N, C-alpha and C. Protein backbone atom coordinates (compact mmCIF):
# COMPACT_ATOMS: atom_id res chain seq x y z
N LEU A 1 39.19 -39.66 -109.39
CA LEU A 1 39.93 -39.82 -110.63
C LEU A 1 41.42 -39.95 -110.33
N ALA A 2 42.14 -40.64 -111.23
CA ALA A 2 43.58 -40.82 -111.07
C ALA A 2 44.28 -40.57 -112.40
N TYR A 3 45.40 -39.89 -112.34
CA TYR A 3 46.24 -39.63 -113.51
C TYR A 3 47.27 -40.75 -113.59
N ILE A 4 47.35 -41.44 -114.72
CA ILE A 4 48.26 -42.57 -114.88
C ILE A 4 49.15 -42.35 -116.09
N GLU A 5 50.46 -42.46 -115.89
CA GLU A 5 51.42 -42.42 -116.99
C GLU A 5 51.82 -43.84 -117.32
N TRP A 6 51.79 -44.17 -118.61
CA TRP A 6 52.12 -45.52 -119.05
C TRP A 6 53.62 -45.66 -119.28
N PHE A 7 54.11 -46.87 -119.09
CA PHE A 7 55.52 -47.20 -119.31
C PHE A 7 55.62 -48.37 -120.27
N THR A 8 56.80 -48.57 -120.84
CA THR A 8 57.03 -49.69 -121.74
C THR A 8 57.02 -50.99 -120.95
N PRO A 9 56.79 -52.12 -121.60
CA PRO A 9 56.86 -53.41 -120.89
C PRO A 9 58.27 -53.67 -120.35
N PHE A 10 58.35 -54.51 -119.33
CA PHE A 10 59.65 -54.85 -118.76
C PHE A 10 60.58 -55.43 -119.81
N SER A 11 61.86 -55.11 -119.69
CA SER A 11 62.89 -55.71 -120.53
C SER A 11 63.53 -56.85 -119.73
N ILE A 12 64.65 -57.33 -120.17
CA ILE A 12 65.38 -58.39 -119.46
C ILE A 12 65.96 -57.81 -118.18
N ALA A 13 65.95 -58.59 -117.11
CA ALA A 13 66.48 -58.13 -115.82
C ALA A 13 67.98 -57.86 -115.92
N ASP A 14 68.44 -56.82 -115.24
CA ASP A 14 69.85 -56.47 -115.18
C ASP A 14 70.61 -57.59 -114.48
N THR A 15 71.74 -58.02 -115.04
CA THR A 15 72.49 -59.14 -114.46
C THR A 15 73.13 -58.79 -113.13
N THR A 16 73.46 -57.54 -112.90
CA THR A 16 74.10 -57.14 -111.64
C THR A 16 73.08 -56.96 -110.51
N THR A 17 72.02 -56.22 -110.79
CA THR A 17 71.05 -55.88 -109.74
C THR A 17 69.85 -56.81 -109.68
N GLY A 18 69.54 -57.44 -110.80
CA GLY A 18 68.34 -58.27 -110.88
C GLY A 18 67.08 -57.47 -111.11
N PHE A 19 67.22 -56.13 -111.24
CA PHE A 19 66.06 -55.26 -111.46
C PHE A 19 65.72 -55.22 -112.95
N TYR A 20 64.45 -55.03 -113.22
CA TYR A 20 63.99 -54.85 -114.59
C TYR A 20 64.03 -53.36 -114.92
N THR A 21 64.25 -53.04 -116.17
CA THR A 21 64.26 -51.63 -116.59
C THR A 21 63.08 -51.37 -117.51
N LEU A 22 62.61 -50.16 -117.48
CA LEU A 22 61.56 -49.73 -118.37
C LEU A 22 61.72 -48.26 -118.63
N SER A 23 60.93 -47.72 -119.53
CA SER A 23 60.99 -46.29 -119.82
C SER A 23 59.58 -45.79 -120.07
N ARG A 24 59.43 -44.48 -120.06
CA ARG A 24 58.10 -43.90 -120.28
C ARG A 24 57.62 -44.21 -121.70
N SER A 25 56.36 -44.52 -121.80
CA SER A 25 55.75 -44.74 -123.10
C SER A 25 55.39 -43.38 -123.69
N THR A 26 55.64 -43.20 -124.97
CA THR A 26 55.33 -41.92 -125.62
C THR A 26 54.51 -42.15 -126.88
N ARG A 27 53.76 -41.13 -127.22
CA ARG A 27 53.01 -41.08 -128.47
C ARG A 27 53.23 -39.70 -129.05
N ARG A 28 53.70 -39.68 -130.28
CA ARG A 28 54.01 -38.41 -130.93
C ARG A 28 54.93 -37.56 -130.07
N TYR A 29 55.92 -38.20 -129.48
CA TYR A 29 56.96 -37.55 -128.66
C TYR A 29 56.41 -36.92 -127.37
N ARG A 30 55.22 -37.32 -126.96
CA ARG A 30 54.64 -36.85 -125.71
C ARG A 30 54.34 -38.05 -124.83
N ARG A 31 54.40 -37.84 -123.52
CA ARG A 31 54.13 -38.93 -122.59
C ARG A 31 52.72 -39.48 -122.80
N HIS A 32 52.60 -40.79 -122.76
CA HIS A 32 51.30 -41.44 -122.91
C HIS A 32 50.67 -41.55 -121.53
N ALA A 33 49.57 -40.88 -121.32
CA ALA A 33 48.93 -40.84 -120.01
C ALA A 33 47.41 -40.83 -120.18
N VAL A 34 46.73 -41.25 -119.13
CA VAL A 34 45.26 -41.26 -119.13
C VAL A 34 44.74 -40.85 -117.76
N ILE A 35 43.49 -40.46 -117.73
CA ILE A 35 42.80 -40.20 -116.47
C ILE A 35 41.68 -41.23 -116.37
N VAL A 36 41.69 -41.98 -115.27
CA VAL A 36 40.71 -43.06 -115.08
C VAL A 36 40.03 -42.92 -113.72
N PRO A 37 38.87 -43.52 -113.57
CA PRO A 37 38.24 -43.54 -112.24
C PRO A 37 39.11 -44.36 -111.28
N ALA A 38 39.24 -43.91 -110.05
CA ALA A 38 40.07 -44.61 -109.07
C ALA A 38 39.57 -46.03 -108.84
N THR A 39 38.30 -46.28 -109.06
CA THR A 39 37.75 -47.63 -108.87
C THR A 39 38.25 -48.61 -109.92
N ASP A 40 38.82 -48.12 -111.03
CA ASP A 40 39.36 -48.99 -112.07
C ASP A 40 40.77 -49.49 -111.75
N ILE A 41 41.41 -48.92 -110.74
CA ILE A 41 42.78 -49.31 -110.40
C ILE A 41 42.75 -50.61 -109.59
N VAL A 42 43.50 -51.60 -110.07
CA VAL A 42 43.54 -52.91 -109.41
C VAL A 42 44.66 -52.96 -108.39
N GLN A 43 45.85 -52.45 -108.76
CA GLN A 43 46.97 -52.39 -107.83
C GLN A 43 47.97 -51.35 -108.30
N SER A 44 48.84 -50.94 -107.40
CA SER A 44 49.86 -49.94 -107.74
C SER A 44 51.19 -50.64 -108.02
N CYS A 45 52.12 -49.86 -108.53
CA CYS A 45 53.45 -50.39 -108.83
C CYS A 45 54.47 -49.32 -108.47
N TYR A 46 55.38 -49.65 -107.58
CA TYR A 46 56.42 -48.70 -107.18
C TYR A 46 57.58 -48.77 -108.17
N LEU A 47 58.05 -47.61 -108.59
CA LEU A 47 59.19 -47.54 -109.49
C LEU A 47 60.33 -46.84 -108.77
N ILE A 48 61.52 -47.39 -108.89
CA ILE A 48 62.70 -46.83 -108.23
C ILE A 48 63.60 -46.23 -109.30
N PRO A 49 63.94 -44.94 -109.20
CA PRO A 49 64.78 -44.32 -110.22
C PRO A 49 66.22 -44.85 -110.19
N HIS A 50 66.84 -44.81 -111.35
CA HIS A 50 68.25 -45.19 -111.47
C HIS A 50 69.06 -43.91 -111.52
N TRP A 51 69.84 -43.65 -110.50
CA TRP A 51 70.65 -42.44 -110.41
C TRP A 51 72.05 -42.72 -110.94
N GLY A 52 72.51 -41.87 -111.86
CA GLY A 52 73.89 -41.93 -112.29
C GLY A 52 74.14 -42.74 -113.47
């Protein structure tokens, strides 16, 4: 099993860095997350935090 937290769809890329920004998806002010079988995962996605 795998715990997955959902995020909002990509917005427009930042003009300086070229990176896309997103934020955690919430429902009723709580993080939107699910537990799924690991066999359902097609690929991973690395997220890099924005500091400062």
